[in-house]
Amino acid sequence: MAKRPKRNKKQELERAKKRRQKRQARNAPWQARLTPRGAYTLFEHPKRVFEIEFPSAWKHTIEDDSRSVGFRPKDRDDVALSCYIMPYSVDVEAIVEDPKLVKLCEKLFKQVNAVNPRRDATIRHFAMKADRNQEGLAGHFWLVAACDIFLGLSAYCPDGEQHLWNPMFERMLATFRIPREKEALANRAIVRLMGKLKERHPGEKYQLKELELVGKNHAIPLGNLLLRIKNAPGDWEKLTDEFFETTVKVLYAKDLGYEQLDDVRDEIFPFIRPDSVGSEEGRLVKSEWLADLNVTYVIRIPSGFRYITEPDLERWGIEREEIHQLAFGNLCKLGTAAAMPEPPEGALPFLMLAAGDNMEASRLLHPRLYERFAETLGGPFVAAIPCRDALILFPNDRDMRRKMQELVRNDYETSAYAITDRLFLVTPDGATLAEW
């Protein structure tokens, strides 16, 4: 069994936290992007809700947690174009031809005393326009629906100056765009999934909370489904249905959570898993491993895997160490011919193990991993487990590590069931973190 190397756990957790923060900063920047384009500047919303070009001589303001954005000349307070995100989430593709959408817009226009509602082709999305009805001010209101967003705009200037400002407002609106096709697709997938759940399990009354569907008795994490759809948007319906038929059905299996140890003893395996993943993290049986990674334990079932929890150990009357020994014993029984094929002759830049059983990453814990590949790759060698279904091995060469690090990071950020972008050094005593 792989020995756990000595390490400073506190330092490794802090490093892992900083890496997560850097990834979040790359994937979810909270500052607007401004790109000069001559007389106009492209404004990209901090949360990537919309983009629009505004005169470079104007200023912009962001308020209410970026739900409200305004543009105005630097020396005028009575001329402005404003955008505000409405508190609705819509599937525009499903309702854009529905007369109810027009009626909703007309109703909202009445609330701000706007008159003469009509469609407006200046904006490239579904847009309704109405005239501002306010003494001393001229201008318009718009309601725009696109992807999963319902958004309002307003423009105003002093009455009598329309000829000066309206062409500029129209120029701005012609560049207005809501680039949220992927988010809209995710929203459609969630709606489809919730419809299936409501039909099959009406008593649960699932509600969307961040990236989980939460019901009375179950919580369904959506992260992996949404990542798969992001990588294959054309297959979103198929992926959603497969998710329902596998992951969701597992939750409602009659014997799930009541298995007898003797019935599943040969199907228990170790799984490497990032810390704090999933709604049941506090109940999982797990052992600290390296950095922010844990070794958890699963039961292999026909539709996938089920994590072993503390109530399982109580029901079976066994201790953590016994389940640890049992899981690693089963890992060692896996067919090495399929799981760890004989290395081909000749020098290879790297090896990728793909046994097809969704336990490739777990094989980093295999006690014979070094023995199997040291002759081909040299020892010690480097390993990576960007996701559950990949174990990558390559020589401990500085240039090779630098090249592979970027590939590993990309796989980690785009794969379902992501684990880590860290590299590991495999030695006769097991795996340890590789130095940066």
Protein backbone atom coordinates (compact mmCIF):
# COMPACT_ATOMS: atom_id res chain seq x y z
CA MET A 1 0.00 0.00 0.00
CA ALA A 2 1.21 3.49 -0.84
CA LYS A 3 2.88 5.27 2.08
CA ARG A 4 1.87 8.78 2.88
CA PRO A 5 4.87 11.10 2.73
CA LYS A 6 5.59 13.66 5.40
CA ARG A 7 4.24 17.08 4.57
CA ASN A 8 3.11 20.35 6.03
CA LYS A 9 -0.66 19.98 5.67
CA LYS A 10 -1.40 23.60 6.56
CA GLN A 11 0.93 24.96 3.87
CA GLU A 12 -0.44 22.62 1.20
CA LEU A 13 -4.04 23.60 2.00
CA GLU A 14 -3.10 27.27 1.79
CA ARG A 15 -1.43 26.72 -1.60
CA ALA A 16 -4.48 24.84 -2.84
CA LYS A 17 -6.74 27.68 -1.67
CA LYS A 18 -4.65 30.23 -3.59
CA ARG A 19 -4.81 28.09 -6.74
CA ARG A 20 -8.61 27.92 -6.50
CA GLN A 21 -8.79 31.68 -6.06
CA LYS A 22 -6.63 32.21 -9.16
CA ARG A 23 -8.89 29.91 -11.20
CA GLN A 24 -11.96 31.75 -9.96
CA ALA A 25 -10.37 35.07 -10.88
CA ARG A 26 -9.71 33.77 -14.40
CA ASN A 27 -13.17 32.28 -14.87
CA ALA A 28 -15.31 34.90 -13.13
CA PRO A 29 -13.73 38.35 -13.32
CA TRP A 30 -15.80 40.96 -11.50
CA GLN A 31 -14.54 44.03 -13.33
CA ALA A 32 -15.92 45.31 -16.60
CA ARG A 33 -13.67 44.91 -19.62
CA LEU A 34 -13.15 48.05 -21.68
CA THR A 35 -11.73 47.78 -25.20
CA PRO A 36 -11.11 51.07 -27.08
CA ARG A 37 -12.39 51.08 -30.66
CA GLY A 38 -11.64 54.55 -31.93
CA ALA A 39 -14.47 56.96 -31.12
CA TYR A 40 -16.28 54.20 -29.22
CA THR A 41 -15.26 51.77 -26.45
CA LEU A 42 -16.55 48.21 -26.07
CA PHE A 43 -18.00 47.61 -22.58
CA GLU A 44 -18.27 43.99 -21.41
CA HIS A 45 -20.42 43.50 -18.34
CA PRO A 46 -18.55 42.26 -15.23
CA LYS A 47 -20.63 39.08 -15.14
CA ARG A 48 -20.66 38.74 -18.94
CA VAL A 49 -24.39 39.45 -19.14
CA PHE A 50 -24.15 41.87 -22.07
CA GLU A 51 -21.80 44.02 -24.10
CA ILE A 52 -22.27 47.40 -25.74
CA GLU A 53 -20.16 50.11 -27.37
CA PHE A 54 -20.38 53.61 -25.89
CA PRO A 55 -18.72 56.91 -26.87
CA SER A 56 -15.14 56.95 -25.61
CA ALA A 57 -15.63 60.51 -24.32
CA TRP A 58 -18.44 59.32 -22.01
CA LYS A 59 -18.15 57.72 -18.57
CA HIS A 60 -19.81 54.61 -17.23
CA THR A 61 -21.09 53.65 -13.77
CA ILE A 62 -21.81 50.23 -12.26
CA GLU A 63 -24.19 49.90 -9.31
CA ASP A 64 -26.31 47.43 -7.34
CA ASP A 65 -23.84 44.54 -7.59
CA SER A 66 -23.51 45.18 -11.36
CA ARG A 67 -27.25 44.79 -11.98
CA SER A 68 -27.40 48.44 -13.11
CA VAL A 69 -25.01 50.06 -15.60
CA GLY A 70 -25.19 53.62 -16.92
CA PHE A 71 -23.46 55.63 -19.66
CA ARG A 72 -23.43 59.43 -19.89
CA PRO A 73 -21.35 62.36 -21.16
CA LYS A 74 -18.80 63.42 -18.54
CA ASP A 75 -20.17 66.98 -18.40
CA ARG A 76 -23.92 66.20 -18.52
CA ASP A 77 -26.30 64.73 -15.94
CA ASP A 78 -29.41 65.08 -18.09
CA VAL A 79 -28.29 62.74 -20.88
CA ALA A 80 -27.85 59.02 -20.29
CA LEU A 81 -28.45 55.47 -21.46
CA SER A 82 -28.91 52.91 -18.69
CA CYS A 83 -29.15 49.11 -18.60
CA TYR A 84 -30.63 47.13 -15.74
CA ILE A 85 -30.94 43.37 -15.34
CA MET A 86 -34.50 42.31 -14.49
CA PRO A 87 -35.04 39.77 -11.67
CA TYR A 88 -36.28 37.09 -14.08
CA SER A 89 -34.72 34.05 -15.71
CA VAL A 90 -36.30 33.03 -19.00
CA ASP A 91 -35.88 30.47 -21.76
CA VAL A 92 -36.30 32.92 -24.62
CA GLU A 93 -36.15 30.29 -27.35
CA ALA A 94 -39.20 28.62 -25.82
CA ILE A 95 -41.31 31.78 -25.36
CA VAL A 96 -40.10 34.30 -27.95
CA GLU A 97 -43.14 33.63 -30.20
CA ASP A 98 -45.57 33.51 -27.29
CA PRO A 99 -47.97 36.51 -27.23
CA LYS A 100 -47.67 36.47 -23.43
CA LEU A 101 -44.15 37.86 -23.74
CA VAL A 102 -45.43 40.94 -25.58
CA LYS A 103 -48.22 41.38 -23.04
CA LEU A 104 -45.70 41.14 -20.20
CA CYS A 105 -43.63 43.90 -21.80
CA GLU A 106 -46.68 46.10 -22.27
CA LYS A 107 -47.60 45.62 -18.62
CA LEU A 108 -44.09 46.60 -17.48
CA PHE A 109 -44.10 49.68 -19.73
CA LYS A 110 -47.32 50.87 -18.07
CA GLN A 111 -45.62 50.70 -14.68
CA VAL A 112 -43.16 53.43 -15.78
CA ASN A 113 -45.85 55.43 -17.63
CA ALA A 114 -44.32 54.67 -21.05
CA VAL A 115 -46.55 54.84 -24.12
CA ASN A 116 -46.75 53.50 -27.69
CA PRO A 117 -45.13 50.06 -27.17
CA ARG A 118 -43.84 48.33 -30.32
CA ARG A 119 -41.13 45.96 -31.55
CA ASP A 120 -37.70 47.46 -32.25
CA ALA A 121 -35.34 45.94 -34.82
CA THR A 122 -32.39 48.14 -33.86
CA ILE A 123 -31.44 45.65 -31.15
CA ARG A 124 -30.44 42.24 -32.50
CA HIS A 125 -32.46 40.33 -29.87
CA PHE A 126 -36.19 40.29 -29.10
CA ALA A 127 -36.84 43.91 -28.07
CA MET A 128 -39.91 46.01 -27.28
CA LYS A 129 -39.66 49.82 -27.28
CA ALA A 130 -41.91 52.48 -25.73
CA ASP A 131 -41.75 56.27 -25.53
CA ARG A 132 -40.85 58.08 -22.34
CA ASN A 133 -43.82 60.16 -21.10
CA GLN A 134 -42.15 62.68 -18.79
CA GLU A 135 -42.34 66.45 -18.88
CA GLY A 136 -39.09 68.10 -19.97
CA LEU A 137 -37.39 64.84 -20.95
CA ALA A 138 -37.46 62.93 -24.20
CA GLY A 139 -36.38 59.35 -24.67
CA HIS A 140 -37.43 55.72 -24.69
CA PHE A 141 -37.59 52.51 -22.69
CA TRP A 142 -36.70 49.05 -24.02
CA LEU A 143 -37.28 45.53 -22.75
CA VAL A 144 -34.91 42.94 -24.20
CA ALA A 145 -35.11 39.15 -23.89
CA ALA A 146 -32.29 36.88 -25.05
CA CYS A 147 -30.84 33.55 -23.99
CA ASP A 148 -31.73 33.35 -20.27
CA ILE A 149 -31.82 37.11 -19.57
CA PHE A 150 -34.61 39.69 -19.34
CA LEU A 151 -33.13 43.16 -19.38
CA GLY A 152 -34.39 46.75 -19.40
CA LEU A 153 -32.83 49.82 -21.00
CA SER A 154 -33.72 53.49 -20.89
CA ALA A 155 -32.39 56.56 -22.66
CA TYR A 156 -33.21 60.21 -22.01
CA CYS A 157 -32.17 63.70 -22.95
CA PRO A 158 -33.73 67.21 -22.62
CA ASP A 159 -36.81 67.69 -24.76
CA GLY A 160 -35.75 69.42 -27.96
CA GLU A 161 -32.29 67.79 -28.10
CA GLN A 162 -33.44 64.50 -29.58
CA HIS A 163 -31.73 65.28 -32.90
CA LEU A 164 -28.39 65.53 -31.07
CA TRP A 165 -28.58 62.38 -28.96
CA ASN A 166 -30.93 59.87 -30.59
CA PRO A 167 -28.45 58.95 -33.38
CA MET A 168 -25.85 58.26 -30.72
CA PHE A 169 -28.28 56.14 -28.68
CA GLU A 170 -29.20 54.15 -31.79
CA ARG A 171 -25.52 53.62 -32.60
CA MET A 172 -25.01 52.23 -29.10
CA LEU A 173 -28.08 49.98 -29.23
CA ALA A 174 -27.03 48.56 -32.59
CA THR A 175 -23.95 47.13 -30.84
CA PHE A 176 -25.87 45.80 -27.82
CA ARG A 177 -25.52 42.03 -27.47
CA ILE A 178 -26.27 39.37 -24.85
CA PRO A 179 -23.61 36.65 -25.44
CA ARG A 180 -25.07 34.04 -23.09
CA GLU A 181 -25.83 31.15 -25.40
CA LYS A 182 -24.04 28.65 -23.16
CA GLU A 183 -25.81 29.90 -20.03
CA ALA A 184 -29.16 29.68 -21.81
CA LEU A 185 -28.39 26.11 -22.82
CA ALA A 186 -27.56 25.24 -19.21
CA ASN A 187 -30.84 26.83 -18.12
CA ARG A 188 -32.77 24.75 -20.67
CA ALA A 189 -31.04 21.59 -19.43
CA ILE A 190 -31.97 22.37 -15.82
CA VAL A 191 -35.60 23.03 -16.81
CA ARG A 192 -35.68 19.73 -18.71
CA LEU A 193 -34.19 17.86 -15.76
CA MET A 194 -36.59 19.45 -13.27
CA GLY A 195 -39.51 18.47 -15.51
CA LYS A 196 -38.41 14.83 -15.45
CA LEU A 197 -37.93 14.94 -11.69
CA LYS A 198 -41.35 16.49 -11.14
CA GLU A 199 -42.96 13.80 -13.26
CA ARG A 200 -41.12 10.92 -11.58
CA HIS A 201 -40.82 12.26 -8.01
CA PRO A 202 -43.46 14.98 -7.49
CA GLY A 203 -43.21 14.87 -3.73
CA GLU A 204 -39.60 16.09 -3.66
CA LYS A 205 -40.45 19.59 -5.01
CA TYR A 206 -36.93 20.29 -6.24
CA GLN A 207 -35.67 23.88 -6.30
CA LEU A 208 -32.51 25.27 -7.88
CA LYS A 209 -30.02 26.59 -5.32
CA GLU A 210 -26.75 27.70 -6.87
CA LEU A 211 -25.44 24.57 -8.65
CA GLU A 212 -27.70 22.04 -6.93
CA LEU A 213 -31.28 20.88 -7.22
CA VAL A 214 -32.46 20.56 -3.63
CA GLY A 215 -35.53 18.52 -2.70
CA LYS A 216 -37.04 17.35 0.57
CA ASN A 217 -34.85 14.25 0.83
CA HIS A 218 -32.14 14.59 -1.81
CA ALA A 219 -29.73 17.11 -3.30
CA ILE A 220 -28.47 16.70 -6.87
CA PRO A 221 -25.20 18.50 -7.78
CA LEU A 222 -25.29 19.85 -11.33
CA GLY A 223 -21.65 20.83 -11.86
CA ASN A 224 -20.64 17.79 -13.88
CA LEU A 225 -23.75 17.89 -16.08
CA LEU A 226 -23.25 21.58 -16.89
CA LEU A 227 -19.56 21.07 -17.65
CA ARG A 228 -20.39 18.24 -20.07
CA ILE A 229 -22.95 20.44 -21.80
CA LYS A 230 -20.42 23.25 -22.04
CA ASN A 231 -17.98 20.92 -23.78
CA ALA A 232 -20.63 19.39 -26.09
CA PRO A 233 -23.48 21.92 -26.45
CA GLY A 234 -24.99 20.12 -29.43
CA ASP A 235 -25.69 17.06 -27.26
CA TRP A 236 -27.33 18.89 -24.34
CA GLU A 237 -30.63 16.98 -24.54
CA LYS A 238 -28.91 13.60 -24.74
CA LEU A 239 -26.53 14.49 -21.91
CA THR A 240 -29.39 15.70 -19.70
CA ASP A 241 -31.40 12.53 -20.28
CA GLU A 242 -28.35 10.34 -19.61
CA PHE A 243 -27.70 12.26 -16.40
CA PHE A 244 -31.27 11.60 -15.29
CA GLU A 245 -31.10 7.92 -16.19
CA THR A 246 -27.84 7.34 -14.31
CA THR A 247 -26.89 9.84 -11.60
CA VAL A 248 -30.44 10.72 -10.60
CA LYS A 249 -31.77 7.17 -10.64
CA VAL A 250 -28.96 6.10 -8.33
CA LEU A 251 -30.45 8.32 -5.62
CA TYR A 252 -33.73 6.45 -5.78
CA ALA A 253 -32.47 2.89 -6.05
CA LYS A 254 -34.48 0.85 -3.55
CA ASP A 255 -31.49 -0.90 -1.97
CA LEU A 256 -29.19 2.11 -2.11
CA GLY A 257 -27.90 2.87 1.36
CA TYR A 258 -29.05 -0.49 2.71
CA GLU A 259 -26.52 -2.83 1.08
CA GLN A 260 -25.10 -5.68 3.13
CA LEU A 261 -21.32 -5.65 3.41
CA ASP A 262 -20.97 -9.24 2.20
CA ASP A 263 -22.90 -8.35 -0.97
CA VAL A 264 -20.64 -5.44 -1.92
CA ARG A 265 -17.32 -6.41 -0.34
CA ASP A 266 -15.64 -7.04 -3.72
CA GLU A 267 -16.96 -3.78 -5.22
CA ILE A 268 -15.44 -1.31 -2.75
CA PHE A 269 -12.60 0.86 -4.09
CA PRO A 270 -10.65 4.00 -3.13
CA PHE A 271 -11.41 7.26 -4.95
CA ILE A 272 -9.26 10.39 -4.97
CA ARG A 273 -11.49 13.41 -4.54
CA PRO A 274 -11.03 17.16 -3.92
CA ASP A 275 -12.03 18.34 -0.47
CA SER A 276 -15.47 19.95 0.00
CA VAL A 277 -17.14 18.53 -3.10
CA GLY A 278 -20.84 17.78 -2.97
CA SER A 279 -23.67 18.24 -0.52
CA GLU A 280 -22.86 15.15 1.61
CA GLU A 281 -19.19 15.99 2.18
CA GLY A 282 -19.55 15.95 5.96
CA ARG A 283 -20.90 12.36 5.95
CA LEU A 284 -18.36 10.79 3.63
CA VAL A 285 -15.77 8.37 4.94
CA LYS A 286 -12.49 9.93 3.87
CA SER A 287 -8.80 10.09 4.70
CA GLU A 288 -6.59 13.12 4.16
CA TRP A 289 -4.09 12.55 1.41
CA LEU A 290 -2.06 15.29 -0.30
CA ALA A 291 -2.79 19.04 -0.35
CA ASP A 292 -6.56 19.53 -0.64
CA LEU A 293 -7.20 15.96 -1.81
CA ASN A 294 -8.84 13.15 0.13
CA VAL A 295 -9.07 9.42 -0.38
CA THR A 296 -12.75 8.47 -0.24
CA TYR A 297 -14.36 5.08 -0.73
CA VAL A 298 -17.05 3.96 -3.16
CA ILE A 299 -19.22 0.97 -3.99
CA ARG A 300 -19.21 0.13 -7.69
CA ILE A 301 -22.80 -0.31 -8.88
CA PRO A 302 -24.21 -0.96 -12.40
CA SER A 303 -25.03 2.72 -12.99
CA GLY A 304 -21.82 4.15 -11.55
CA PHE A 305 -20.56 4.52 -7.99
CA ARG A 306 -21.94 5.30 -4.57
CA TYR A 307 -19.82 6.98 -1.92
CA ILE A 308 -19.50 5.19 1.41
CA THR A 309 -20.71 7.25 4.37
CA GLU A 310 -20.36 7.10 8.13
CA PRO A 311 -23.84 5.53 8.50
CA ASP A 312 -22.65 2.69 6.26
CA LEU A 313 -19.79 1.90 8.65
CA GLU A 314 -22.16 2.01 11.62
CA ARG A 315 -24.60 -0.33 9.87
CA TRP A 316 -21.81 -2.74 8.91
CA GLY A 317 -20.12 -2.55 12.31
CA ILE A 318 -16.61 -1.90 10.96
CA GLU A 319 -13.94 0.76 11.47
CA ARG A 320 -12.38 3.15 8.94
CA GLU A 321 -9.12 1.21 8.76
CA GLU A 322 -10.95 -1.97 7.76
CA ILE A 323 -12.75 -0.24 4.85
CA HIS A 324 -9.39 1.31 3.84
CA GLN A 325 -7.71 -2.10 3.74
CA LEU A 326 -10.64 -3.64 1.88
CA ALA A 327 -10.70 -0.89 -0.79
CA PHE A 328 -6.95 -1.06 -1.46
CA GLY A 329 -7.07 -4.84 -1.59
CA ASN A 330 -9.69 -4.61 -4.36
CA LEU A 331 -7.64 -1.98 -6.17
CA CYS A 332 -4.74 -4.40 -6.30
CA LYS A 333 -7.01 -7.12 -7.74
CA LEU A 334 -7.92 -5.09 -10.79
CA GLY A 335 -6.68 -6.76 -13.97
CA THR A 336 -3.25 -5.24 -14.53
CA ALA A 337 -3.21 -6.30 -18.17
CA ALA A 338 -6.11 -3.94 -18.90
CA ALA A 339 -5.44 -1.36 -16.24
CA MET A 340 -1.68 -1.13 -16.60
CA PRO A 341 -0.71 -2.41 -20.04
CA GLU A 342 2.84 -3.39 -20.80
CA PRO A 343 4.70 -0.24 -21.91
CA PRO A 344 5.40 -0.30 -25.67
CA GLU A 345 8.97 -0.51 -26.83
CA GLY A 346 10.81 2.72 -27.44
CA ALA A 347 10.85 5.99 -25.59
CA LEU A 348 7.48 7.72 -25.22
CA PRO A 349 6.96 11.33 -24.16
CA PHE A 350 4.14 10.26 -21.85
CA LEU A 351 1.69 7.44 -21.11
CA MET A 352 -2.04 7.83 -20.49
CA LEU A 353 -3.82 4.96 -18.78
CA ALA A 354 -7.40 4.45 -19.92
CA ALA A 355 -8.86 1.26 -18.49
CA GLY A 356 -12.43 2.35 -19.20
CA ASP A 357 -13.69 1.65 -15.68
CA ASN A 358 -13.74 5.26 -14.39
CA MET A 359 -11.03 4.44 -11.85
CA GLU A 360 -7.97 5.57 -13.76
CA ALA A 361 -7.12 8.32 -11.26
CA SER A 362 -7.46 5.88 -8.36
CA ARG A 363 -4.57 3.88 -9.81
CA LEU A 364 -2.20 6.61 -8.66
CA LEU A 365 -2.67 4.88 -5.29
CA HIS A 366 -1.73 1.46 -6.70
CA PRO A 367 1.24 0.06 -4.74
CA ARG A 368 2.81 -1.40 -7.91
CA LEU A 369 2.54 1.74 -10.04
CA TYR A 370 6.25 2.62 -9.67
CA GLU A 371 7.35 -0.95 -10.25
CA ARG A 372 5.25 -1.15 -13.42
CA PHE A 373 6.55 1.96 -15.21
CA ALA A 374 9.91 2.92 -13.66
CA GLU A 375 11.92 1.01 -16.26
CA THR A 376 10.24 2.81 -19.18
CA LEU A 377 9.89 6.30 -17.69
CA GLY A 378 12.87 6.29 -15.35
CA GLY A 379 12.46 6.71 -11.68
CA PRO A 380 11.08 8.61 -9.99
CA PHE A 381 8.57 9.70 -12.65
CA VAL A 382 5.75 12.25 -12.71
CA ALA A 383 1.98 11.62 -12.67
CA ALA A 384 -1.11 13.76 -13.16
CA ILE A 385 -4.81 13.12 -12.46
CA PRO A 386 -6.69 16.08 -13.96
CA CYS A 387 -9.97 14.15 -13.77
CA ARG A 388 -11.43 10.88 -12.57
CA ASP A 389 -10.92 9.11 -15.89
CA ALA A 390 -7.28 9.98 -16.58
CA LEU A 391 -3.90 9.01 -15.18
CA ILE A 392 -1.02 10.58 -17.10
CA LEU A 393 2.58 9.46 -16.55
CA PHE A 394 5.78 10.98 -17.96
CA PRO A 395 9.51 11.29 -17.19
CA ASN A 396 10.71 13.62 -14.46
CA ASP A 397 12.22 16.12 -16.88
CA ARG A 398 11.97 19.85 -16.16
CA ASP A 399 11.09 20.86 -19.72
CA MET A 400 8.62 18.00 -20.01
CA ARG A 401 6.95 19.01 -16.75
CA ARG A 402 6.62 22.59 -17.91
CA LYS A 403 4.96 21.53 -21.17
CA MET A 404 2.69 18.98 -19.54
CA GLN A 405 1.57 21.32 -16.77
CA GLU A 406 -0.37 23.48 -19.22
CA LEU A 407 -2.04 20.45 -20.82
CA VAL A 408 -2.96 19.06 -17.41
CA ARG A 409 -4.38 22.40 -16.29
CA ASN A 410 -6.51 22.64 -19.43
CA ASP A 411 -7.87 19.12 -18.92
CA TYR A 412 -8.58 19.90 -15.29
CA GLU A 413 -10.53 23.07 -16.10
CA THR A 414 -12.61 21.50 -18.90
CA SER A 415 -13.22 17.94 -17.72
CA ALA A 416 -16.17 16.52 -15.89
CA TYR A 417 -15.24 15.00 -12.52
CA ALA A 418 -12.17 17.25 -12.24
CA ILE A 419 -9.69 16.37 -9.48
CA THR A 420 -6.54 18.52 -9.54
CA ASP A 421 -4.04 20.29 -11.78
CA ARG A 422 -1.15 19.41 -9.44
CA LEU A 423 1.66 17.09 -10.54
CA PHE A 424 2.87 14.15 -8.43
CA LEU A 425 6.22 12.46 -8.10
CA VAL A 426 5.91 8.67 -8.06
CA THR A 427 8.63 6.94 -6.04
CA PRO A 428 9.10 3.40 -4.70
CA ASP A 429 7.35 4.58 -1.52
CA GLY A 430 4.29 5.94 -3.33
CA ALA A 431 3.18 9.35 -4.65
CA THR A 432 4.05 12.73 -3.26
CA LEU A 433 3.51 16.27 -4.53
CA ALA A 434 5.94 17.35 -7.19
CA GLU A 435 7.68 20.67 -6.71
CA TRP A 436 6.50 23.59 -8.84
